[in-house]
Amino acid sequence: MIERIRVAAIIIQGHNLLLVKGSDKYKEFWTPGGKLEAGESELECLKRELDEEINVKVVSAKFFGEYAEKAPYAENVLSISRVYIVSISGKIKTAKEIQGYVWMTRKEFEAEKYPLVAATGKKIIPDIIKAGYF
């Protein structure tokens, strides 16, 4: 199995968690972020991905945890998500492969209002709730 490192951002504003969605072929939402490129630091990756995909700047980033799971849309790929609590500046404007976004409330998460990729819904969000972020 191929391992791929993904750097992801947990962005919470006003008790709402930012989730993004790709093109129409994807039904689930996930945390913003993307693949780490060769020679790139995790912080550089976060800054690049958030700028390219949702047009915002990283103000601060604090490492939160690492999550490994089979990639939802790729055969034989283990996706290792390095997750950061991130604060941003700027107005969100989707670009590149991001089609849309939502600011999900905890109540909406508990009601399973939005379909989520497994790592986000079963691992990352429960952990940020336990840690008191959401």
Protein backbone atom coordinates (compact mmCIF):
# COMPACT_ATOMS: atom_id res chain seq x y z
CA MET A 1 0.00 0.00 0.00
CA ILE A 2 1.26 3.48 -0.91
CA GLU A 3 1.39 6.04 1.90
CA ARG A 4 0.40 9.62 1.10
CA ILE A 5 0.76 12.46 3.60
CA ARG A 6 -2.06 14.99 3.68
CA VAL A 7 -1.90 18.14 5.78
CA ALA A 8 -5.33 19.23 7.02
CA ALA A 9 -6.73 22.29 8.75
CA ILE A 10 -9.30 22.40 11.53
CA ILE A 11 -10.77 25.89 11.17
CA ILE A 12 -13.37 26.86 13.75
CA GLN A 13 -15.07 30.26 13.82
CA GLY A 14 -18.00 31.13 16.04
CA HIS A 15 -18.42 27.48 17.13
CA ASN A 16 -18.69 26.38 13.47
CA LEU A 17 -16.27 24.02 11.73
CA LEU A 18 -15.25 24.68 8.13
CA LEU A 19 -15.65 21.71 5.78
CA VAL A 20 -15.08 21.62 2.03
CA LYS A 21 -16.41 19.51 -0.82
CA GLY A 22 -14.82 18.65 -4.14
CA SER A 23 -16.41 18.28 -7.54
CA ASP A 24 -19.74 16.58 -8.20
CA LYS A 25 -18.09 13.14 -8.21
CA TYR A 26 -17.59 13.50 -4.43
CA LYS A 27 -20.55 13.44 -2.09
CA GLU A 28 -18.67 13.83 1.20
CA PHE A 29 -17.20 16.86 2.93
CA TRP A 30 -13.76 16.93 4.56
CA THR A 31 -11.33 19.26 6.30
CA PRO A 32 -9.48 21.67 4.00
CA GLY A 33 -5.91 20.80 3.10
CA GLY A 34 -4.02 18.62 0.69
CA LYS A 35 -1.04 16.49 -0.26
CA LEU A 36 2.40 17.35 1.00
CA GLU A 37 4.70 18.01 -1.95
CA ALA A 38 8.37 17.01 -2.10
CA GLY A 39 10.61 19.41 -0.22
CA GLU A 40 7.67 21.23 1.33
CA SER A 41 7.17 21.68 5.10
CA GLU A 42 3.76 20.94 6.59
CA LEU A 43 3.18 24.63 7.30
CA GLU A 44 4.13 25.53 3.71
CA CYS A 45 1.67 22.89 2.50
CA LEU A 46 -1.14 24.28 4.68
CA LYS A 47 -0.50 27.82 3.46
CA ARG A 48 -0.37 26.77 -0.20
CA GLU A 49 -3.45 24.53 -0.08
CA LEU A 50 -5.63 27.02 1.83
CA ASP A 51 -4.60 29.81 -0.52
CA GLU A 52 -5.15 27.72 -3.68
CA GLU A 53 -8.41 26.06 -2.62
CA ILE A 54 -10.28 28.61 -0.49
CA ASN A 55 -8.36 31.88 -0.95
CA VAL A 56 -7.43 32.46 2.73
CA LYS A 57 -4.18 33.09 4.59
CA VAL A 58 -2.95 31.09 7.58
CA VAL A 59 -2.56 33.31 10.66
CA SER A 60 -1.52 30.51 13.04
CA ALA A 61 -1.31 26.73 13.05
CA LYS A 62 -0.90 24.34 15.98
CA PHE A 63 -0.34 20.61 15.46
CA PHE A 64 -3.30 18.57 16.72
CA GLY A 65 -2.77 14.94 15.67
CA GLU A 66 -2.11 12.33 13.03
CA TYR A 67 -4.72 10.00 11.50
CA ALA A 68 -4.17 7.11 9.11
CA GLU A 69 -6.91 5.60 6.96
CA LYS A 70 -7.37 4.04 3.54
CA ALA A 71 -7.89 6.88 1.07
CA PRO A 72 -11.60 7.11 0.18
CA TYR A 73 -11.11 7.66 -3.55
CA ALA A 74 -7.82 5.89 -4.32
CA GLU A 75 -7.05 2.17 -4.44
CA ASN A 76 -4.13 0.90 -2.36
CA VAL A 77 -3.40 4.30 -0.79
CA LEU A 78 -3.05 4.88 2.94
CA SER A 79 -3.79 8.53 3.64
CA ILE A 80 -1.90 9.89 6.64
CA SER A 81 -3.51 13.14 7.73
CA ARG A 82 -1.36 15.51 9.78
CA VAL A 83 -4.00 17.77 11.33
CA TYR A 84 -3.54 21.33 12.61
CA ILE A 85 -5.81 23.74 14.46
CA VAL A 86 -5.64 26.79 12.17
CA SER A 87 -6.78 30.38 12.34
CA ILE A 88 -7.21 32.22 9.04
CA SER A 89 -7.71 35.65 7.57
CA GLY A 90 -9.56 36.57 4.40
CA LYS A 91 -12.90 35.82 2.82
CA ILE A 92 -13.45 32.27 1.62
CA LYS A 93 -13.71 31.91 -2.14
CA THR A 94 -13.53 28.38 -3.53
CA ALA A 95 -11.14 27.56 -6.36
CA LYS A 96 -9.26 24.65 -7.93
CA GLU A 97 -10.99 21.36 -7.13
CA ILE A 98 -13.13 22.73 -4.28
CA GLN A 99 -16.75 23.16 -5.32
CA GLY A 100 -18.30 24.26 -2.06
CA TYR A 101 -18.01 24.61 1.68
CA VAL A 102 -20.13 24.67 4.83
CA TRP A 103 -19.69 26.00 8.33
CA MET A 104 -21.01 23.00 10.26
CA THR A 105 -22.33 23.35 13.80
CA ARG A 106 -21.82 20.66 16.42
CA LYS A 107 -25.58 20.04 16.39
CA GLU A 108 -25.43 19.44 12.61
CA PHE A 109 -22.51 17.02 13.15
CA GLU A 110 -24.46 15.10 15.80
CA ALA A 111 -27.52 14.98 13.50
CA GLU A 112 -25.27 13.73 10.64
CA LYS A 113 -26.55 16.52 8.40
CA TYR A 114 -23.58 16.33 6.04
CA PRO A 115 -21.90 13.22 4.62
CA LEU A 116 -18.27 13.18 5.78
CA VAL A 117 -15.22 11.18 4.74
CA ALA A 118 -14.58 8.52 7.38
CA ALA A 119 -11.44 10.00 8.94
CA THR A 120 -13.16 13.37 9.42
CA GLY A 121 -16.45 12.06 10.77
CA LYS A 122 -15.32 9.07 12.81
CA LYS A 123 -11.95 10.23 14.13
CA ILE A 124 -10.97 13.88 13.72
CA ILE A 125 -14.22 15.62 14.73
CA PRO A 126 -14.81 13.36 17.77
CA ASP A 127 -11.25 14.11 18.89
CA ILE A 128 -11.64 17.89 18.51
CA ILE A 129 -14.89 17.64 20.52
CA LYS A 130 -13.07 15.68 23.27
CA ALA A 131 -10.31 18.30 23.28
CA GLY A 132 -12.88 21.07 23.73
CA TYR A 133 -12.35 22.85 20.42
CA PHE A 134 -15.81 22.14 18.96
